[in-house]
Each structure stands twice: as structure tokens, then as C-alpha cells.
Amino acid sequence: MSDQTQQGKAPTVLVVVAWLWVGLPFLYGLWQLVIKIPALFGG
């Protein structure tokens, strides 16, 4: 493999960290929304 094939690709660790950085707060917010939905409808 030449250096050109690796150029422009993010390291796998960086991609995983970026997804977790965005995904975990999103999932937490979604979970909080699911918990609070019954209260919105008088449950």
C-alpha cells in the first residue's frame, strides 16, 4: 500500500470517540424524553 491510500482517512479510534461524543448525550436526552412523555399527557 502506498501513502496515498491512507490519505484522507480518519483513524478508527478518532471516529469511535467522535461518535460516542455525539451519541451518548443524544441517547441520554432521548431517554429523558421517553421518561417524561407520560407526564406531558397527564399520566
PDB file of N, CA and C in Angstrom:
ATOM      1  N   MET A   1       0.842  -1.197   0.000  1.00  0.00           N
ATOM      2  CA  MET A   1       0.000   0.000   0.000  1.00  0.00           C
ATOM      3  C   MET A   1       0.874   1.242   0.000  1.00  0.00           C
ATOM      4  N   SER A   2       0.450   2.198  -0.742  1.00  0.00           N
ATOM      5  CA  SER A   2       1.186   3.455  -0.762  1.00  0.00           C
ATOM      6  C   SER A   2       0.572   4.423   0.234  1.00  0.00           C
ATOM      7  N   ASP A   3       1.244   5.532   0.463  1.00  0.00           N
ATOM      8  CA  ASP A   3       0.749   6.541   1.396  1.00  0.00           C
ATOM      9  C   ASP A   3      -0.534   7.198   0.893  1.00  0.00           C
ATOM     10  N   GLN A   4      -0.749   7.180  -0.395  1.00  0.00           N
ATOM     11  CA  GLN A   4      -1.926   7.833  -0.961  1.00  0.00           C
ATOM     12  C   GLN A   4      -3.216   7.124  -0.552  1.00  0.00           C
ATOM     13  N   THR A   5      -3.172   5.819  -0.336  1.00  0.00           N
ATOM     14  CA  THR A   5      -4.382   5.100   0.039  1.00  0.00           C
ATOM     15  C   THR A   5      -4.820   5.445   1.453  1.00  0.00           C
ATOM     16  N   GLN A   6      -3.891   5.818   2.320  1.00  0.00           N
ATOM     17  CA  GLN A   6      -4.215   6.160   3.703  1.00  0.00           C
ATOM     18  C   GLN A   6      -4.579   7.628   3.866  1.00  0.00           C
ATOM     19  N   GLN A   7      -4.283   8.419   2.887  1.00  0.00           N
ATOM     20  CA  GLN A   7      -4.534   9.853   2.993  1.00  0.00           C
ATOM     21  C   GLN A   7      -6.038  10.136   2.949  1.00  0.00           C
ATOM     22  N   GLY A   8      -6.506  11.011   3.827  1.00  0.00           N
ATOM     23  CA  GLY A   8      -7.901  11.388   3.842  1.00  0.00           C
ATOM     24  C   GLY A   8      -8.769  10.494   4.702  1.00  0.00           C
ATOM     25  N   LYS A   9      -8.203   9.491   5.346  1.00  0.00           N
ATOM     26  CA  LYS A   9      -8.966   8.600   6.215  1.00  0.00           C
ATOM     27  C   LYS A   9      -8.669   8.954   7.665  1.00  0.00           C
ATOM     28  N   ALA A  10      -9.735   9.099   8.446  1.00  0.00           N
ATOM     29  CA  ALA A  10      -9.565   9.372   9.872  1.00  0.00           C
ATOM     30  C   ALA A  10      -9.211   8.072  10.587  1.00  0.00           C
ATOM     31  N   PRO A  11      -8.385   8.167  11.611  1.00  0.00           N
ATOM     32  CA  PRO A  11      -8.077   6.959  12.399  1.00  0.00           C
ATOM     33  C   PRO A  11      -9.346   6.394  13.038  1.00  0.00           C
ATOM     34  N   THR A  12      -9.426   5.082  13.121  1.00  0.00           N
ATOM     35  CA  THR A  12     -10.621   4.426  13.642  1.00  0.00           C
ATOM     36  C   THR A  12     -10.943   4.896  15.062  1.00  0.00           C
ATOM     37  N   VAL A  13      -9.922   5.063  15.895  1.00  0.00           N
ATOM     38  CA  VAL A  13     -10.144   5.495  17.277  1.00  0.00           C
ATOM     39  C   VAL A  13     -10.806   6.870  17.299  1.00  0.00           C
ATOM     40  N   LEU A  14     -10.361   7.758  16.436  1.00  0.00           N
ATOM     41  CA  LEU A  14     -10.927   9.108  16.384  1.00  0.00           C
ATOM     42  C   LEU A  14     -12.390   9.064  15.964  1.00  0.00           C
ATOM     43  N   VAL A  15     -12.718   8.205  15.028  1.00  0.00           N
ATOM     44  CA  VAL A  15     -14.103   8.072  14.568  1.00  0.00           C
ATOM     45  C   VAL A  15     -14.980   7.541  15.699  1.00  0.00           C
ATOM     46  N   VAL A  16     -14.501   6.536  16.417  1.00  0.00           N
ATOM     47  CA  VAL A  16     -15.271   5.967  17.526  1.00  0.00           C
ATOM     48  C   VAL A  16     -15.498   7.011  18.616  1.00  0.00           C
ATOM     49  N   VAL A  17     -14.452   7.749  18.972  1.00  0.00           N
ATOM     50  CA  VAL A  17     -14.575   8.784  20.003  1.00  0.00           C
ATOM     51  C   VAL A  17     -15.553   9.866  19.558  1.00  0.00           C
ATOM     52  N   ALA A  18     -15.498  10.255  18.309  1.00  0.00           N
ATOM     53  CA  ALA A  18     -16.409  11.291  17.803  1.00  0.00           C
ATOM     54  C   ALA A  18     -17.854  10.821  17.863  1.00  0.00           C
ATOM     55  N   TRP A  19     -18.110   9.564  17.487  1.00  0.00           N
ATOM     56  CA  TRP A  19     -19.477   9.036  17.550  1.00  0.00           C
ATOM     57  C   TRP A  19     -19.978   8.965  18.983  1.00  0.00           C
ATOM     58  N   LEU A  20     -19.123   8.548  19.910  1.00  0.00           N
ATOM     59  CA  LEU A  20     -19.519   8.491  21.314  1.00  0.00           C
ATOM     60  C   LEU A  20     -19.776   9.887  21.864  1.00  0.00           C
ATOM     61  N   TRP A  21     -18.935  10.848  21.467  1.00  0.00           N
ATOM     62  CA  TRP A  21     -19.065  12.234  21.938  1.00  0.00           C
ATOM     63  C   TRP A  21     -20.425  12.816  21.552  1.00  0.00           C
ATOM     64  N   VAL A  22     -20.917  12.450  20.399  1.00  0.00           N
ATOM     65  CA  VAL A  22     -22.217  12.931  19.932  1.00  0.00           C
ATOM     66  C   VAL A  22     -23.344  12.000  20.369  1.00  0.00           C
ATOM     67  N   GLY A  23     -23.106  10.713  20.287  1.00  0.00           N
ATOM     68  CA  GLY A  23     -24.164   9.738  20.501  1.00  0.00           C
ATOM     69  C   GLY A  23     -24.607   9.583  21.945  1.00  0.00           C
ATOM     70  N   LEU A  24     -23.677   9.609  22.881  1.00  0.00           N
ATOM     71  CA  LEU A  24     -24.055   9.405  24.277  1.00  0.00           C
ATOM     72  C   LEU A  24     -24.950  10.521  24.817  1.00  0.00           C
ATOM     73  N   PRO A  25     -24.608  11.794  24.628  1.00  0.00           N
ATOM     74  CA  PRO A  25     -25.537  12.838  25.081  1.00  0.00           C
ATOM     75  C   PRO A  25     -26.882  12.779  24.365  1.00  0.00           C
ATOM     76  N   PHE A  26     -26.868  12.425  23.092  1.00  0.00           N
ATOM     77  CA  PHE A  26     -28.118  12.304  22.341  1.00  0.00           C
ATOM     78  C   PHE A  26     -28.998  11.203  22.926  1.00  0.00           C
ATOM     79  N   LEU A  27     -28.405  10.041  23.198  1.00  0.00           N
ATOM     80  CA  LEU A  27     -29.165   8.933  23.767  1.00  0.00           C
ATOM     81  C   LEU A  27     -29.672   9.272  25.166  1.00  0.00           C
ATOM     82  N   TYR A  28     -28.860   9.986  25.943  1.00  0.00           N
ATOM     83  CA  TYR A  28     -29.295  10.391  27.277  1.00  0.00           C
ATOM     84  C   TYR A  28     -30.502  11.330  27.182  1.00  0.00           C
ATOM     85  N   GLY A  29     -30.432  12.292  26.288  1.00  0.00           N
ATOM     86  CA  GLY A  29     -31.549  13.217  26.104  1.00  0.00           C
ATOM     87  C   GLY A  29     -32.797  12.504  25.612  1.00  0.00           C
ATOM     88  N   LEU A  30     -32.617  11.557  24.724  1.00  0.00           N
ATOM     89  CA  LEU A  30     -33.749  10.777  24.219  1.00  0.00           C
ATOM     90  C   LEU A  30     -34.380   9.952  25.340  1.00  0.00           C
ATOM     91  N   TRP A  31     -33.549   9.363  26.184  1.00  0.00           N
ATOM     92  CA  TRP A  31     -34.049   8.582  27.312  1.00  0.00           C
ATOM     93  C   TRP A  31     -34.831   9.467  28.278  1.00  0.00           C
ATOM     94  N   GLN A  32     -34.322  10.663  28.567  1.00  0.00           N
ATOM     95  CA  GLN A  32     -35.027  11.589  29.444  1.00  0.00           C
ATOM     96  C   GLN A  32     -36.368  11.989  28.839  1.00  0.00           C
ATOM     97  N   LEU A  33     -36.418  12.163  27.537  1.00  0.00           N
ATOM     98  CA  LEU A  33     -37.663  12.495  26.860  1.00  0.00           C
ATOM     99  C   LEU A  33     -38.684  11.365  27.010  1.00  0.00           C
ATOM    100  N   VAL A  34     -38.230  10.132  26.812  1.00  0.00           N
ATOM    101  CA  VAL A  34     -39.117   8.983  26.937  1.00  0.00           C
ATOM    102  C   VAL A  34     -39.670   8.892  28.359  1.00  0.00           C
ATOM    103  N   ILE A  35     -38.838   9.176  29.348  1.00  0.00           N
ATOM    104  CA  ILE A  35     -39.281   9.128  30.739  1.00  0.00           C
ATOM    105  C   ILE A  35     -40.340  10.203  31.011  1.00  0.00           C
ATOM    106  N   LYS A  36     -40.206  11.366  30.401  1.00  0.00           N
ATOM    107  CA  LYS A  36     -41.093  12.483  30.706  1.00  0.00           C
ATOM    108  C   LYS A  36     -42.354  12.530  29.846  1.00  0.00           C
ATOM    109  N   ILE A  37     -42.441  11.723  28.825  1.00  0.00           N
ATOM    110  CA  ILE A  37     -43.611  11.730  27.938  1.00  0.00           C
ATOM    111  C   ILE A  37     -44.923  11.464  28.686  1.00  0.00           C
ATOM    112  N   PRO A  38     -44.987  10.477  29.573  1.00  0.00           N
ATOM    113  CA  PRO A  38     -46.268  10.253  30.278  1.00  0.00           C
ATOM    114  C   PRO A  38     -46.744  11.475  31.060  1.00  0.00           C
ATOM    115  N   ALA A  39     -45.837  12.226  31.649  1.00  0.00           N
ATOM    116  CA  ALA A  39     -46.221  13.425  32.413  1.00  0.00           C
ATOM    117  C   ALA A  39     -46.839  14.471  31.507  1.00  0.00           C
ATOM    118  N   LEU A  40     -46.420  14.518  30.262  1.00  0.00           N
ATOM    119  CA  LEU A  40     -46.964  15.503  29.326  1.00  0.00           C
ATOM    120  C   LEU A  40     -48.434  15.204  29.002  1.00  0.00           C
ATOM    121  N   PHE A  41     -48.795  13.934  29.085  1.00  0.00           N
ATOM    122  CA  PHE A  41     -50.167  13.534  28.754  1.00  0.00           C
ATOM    123  C   PHE A  41     -50.978  13.202  30.001  1.00  0.00           C
ATOM    124  N   GLY A  42     -50.527  13.706  31.132  1.00  0.00           N
ATOM    125  CA  GLY A  42     -51.272  13.543  32.369  1.00  0.00           C
ATOM    126  C   GLY A  42     -51.219  12.144  32.944  1.00  0.00           C
ATOM    127  N   GLY A  43     -50.134  11.432  32.617  1.00  0.00           N
ATOM    128  CA  GLY A  43     -50.054  10.044  33.065  1.00  0.00           C
ATOM    129  C   GLY A  43     -49.530   9.852  34.428  1.00  0.00           C
TER     130      GLY A  43
END
